[in-house]
Protein backbone atom coordinates (compact mmCIF):
# COMPACT_ATOMS: atom_id res chain seq x y z
CA MET A 1 -13.36 68.31 9.22
CA GLY A 2 -9.66 68.90 9.01
CA ALA A 3 -7.38 71.68 8.02
CA ILE A 4 -7.02 70.25 4.50
CA ASN A 5 -10.78 70.40 3.99
CA LEU A 6 -10.93 74.01 5.14
CA ALA A 7 -7.97 74.95 2.97
CA LEU A 8 -9.54 73.34 -0.11
CA TRP A 9 -12.89 75.02 0.55
CA GLY A 10 -11.26 78.40 1.09
CA ALA A 11 -9.10 78.15 -2.01
CA GLY A 12 -12.04 76.86 -4.05
CA ILE A 13 -14.38 79.63 -2.97
CA ALA A 14 -11.67 82.23 -3.60
CA LEU A 15 -11.08 80.88 -7.11
CA ILE A 16 -14.81 80.83 -7.85
CA VAL A 17 -15.27 84.43 -6.75
CA ILE A 18 -12.15 85.74 -8.46
CA GLY A 19 -12.78 83.74 -11.63
CA TYR A 20 -16.36 84.95 -11.93
CA ALA A 21 -15.47 88.56 -11.20
CA ARG A 22 -12.61 88.57 -13.70
CA ALA A 23 -14.50 86.67 -16.45
CA ARG A 24 -17.67 88.76 -16.34
CA ARG A 25 -16.27 91.93 -17.90
CA PRO A 26 -14.46 90.41 -20.93
CA TRP A 27 -17.43 88.11 -21.59
CA SER A 28 -19.86 91.04 -21.71
CA ARG A 29 -17.43 92.93 -23.97
CA TYR A 30 -17.19 89.89 -26.25
CA GLN A 31 -20.98 89.65 -26.44
CA ALA A 32 -21.28 93.36 -27.28
CA LEU A 33 -18.69 93.08 -30.04
CA LYS A 34 -20.36 89.95 -31.40
CA ASP A 35 -23.74 91.74 -31.50
CA GLN A 36 -22.15 94.71 -33.23
CA GLU A 37 -20.51 92.41 -35.79
CA ALA A 38 -23.87 90.73 -36.49
CA ASN A 39 -25.47 94.14 -36.92
CA VAL A 40 -22.81 95.18 -39.45
CA ALA A 41 -23.29 91.90 -41.31
CA ARG A 42 -27.06 92.49 -41.51
CA TYR A 43 -26.52 96.02 -42.75
CA GLU A 44 -24.03 94.91 -45.40
CA SER A 45 -26.35 92.17 -46.64
CA TRP A 46 -29.24 94.65 -46.80
CA ARG A 47 -27.06 97.12 -48.64
CA GLY A 48 -25.97 94.45 -51.09
CA GLY A 49 -22.26 94.92 -50.63
CA VAL A 50 -19.64 92.24 -50.29
CA ARG A 51 -18.13 92.07 -46.81
CA ASP A 52 -14.42 92.10 -46.40
CA ARG A 53 -13.55 89.00 -44.34
CA SER A 54 -10.03 90.10 -43.40
CA THR A 55 -8.87 90.45 -39.81
CA THR A 56 -10.07 93.63 -38.16
CA GLY A 57 -9.32 95.27 -34.86
CA ALA A 58 -12.76 94.25 -33.60
CA SER A 59 -12.15 90.59 -34.45
CA VAL A 60 -8.82 90.69 -32.62
CA ALA A 61 -10.53 92.31 -29.61
CA MET A 62 -13.23 89.62 -29.71
CA ASP A 63 -10.57 86.89 -29.68
CA MET A 64 -8.74 88.51 -26.78
CA ALA A 65 -11.93 88.98 -24.74
CA ARG A 66 -13.06 85.40 -25.41
CA ARG A 67 -9.64 84.03 -24.45
CA GLU A 68 -9.55 86.02 -21.20
CA ALA A 69 -13.11 85.02 -20.28
CA ARG A 70 -12.29 81.37 -20.93
CA MET A 71 -9.15 81.55 -18.81
CA TRP A 72 -10.94 83.02 -15.80
CA GLY A 73 -13.91 80.72 -16.33
CA ALA A 74 -11.51 77.79 -16.17
CA ALA A 75 -10.16 79.19 -12.89
CA ALA A 76 -13.71 79.25 -11.50
CA ILE A 77 -14.21 75.63 -12.61
CA VAL A 78 -11.01 74.64 -10.81
CA GLY A 79 -12.47 76.38 -7.76
CA PHE A 80 -15.58 74.20 -7.96
CA VAL A 81 -13.37 71.12 -8.24
CA LEU A 82 -11.44 72.18 -5.13
CA VAL A 83 -14.65 72.69 -3.17
CA PHE A 84 -15.91 69.24 -4.13
CA ALA A 85 -12.50 67.75 -3.35
CA GLY A 86 -12.76 69.36 0.09
CA PHE A 87 -15.97 67.42 0.68
CA ALA A 88 -14.57 64.17 -0.77
CA ILE A 89 -11.35 64.08 1.28
CA ARG A 90 -11.67 62.70 4.81
């Protein structure tokens, strides 16, 4: 077990923890907005009205939250790769 292995494990674990912590909040916000959007769609279909499909502030917020969650999720995945690389390198 060398210094490179320890450095890869440390960096990997740090990226996993930071990525998960930073991705959790925007992902939950995205899910809440998605549920709210589905609820509005059900209400509009029950009411019989035609929904306006233009860009709204909620759709922009959903895109931003999804993008941020994906970015930090990717950082966590890179962390897993670093941890496995730490085991693979001799």
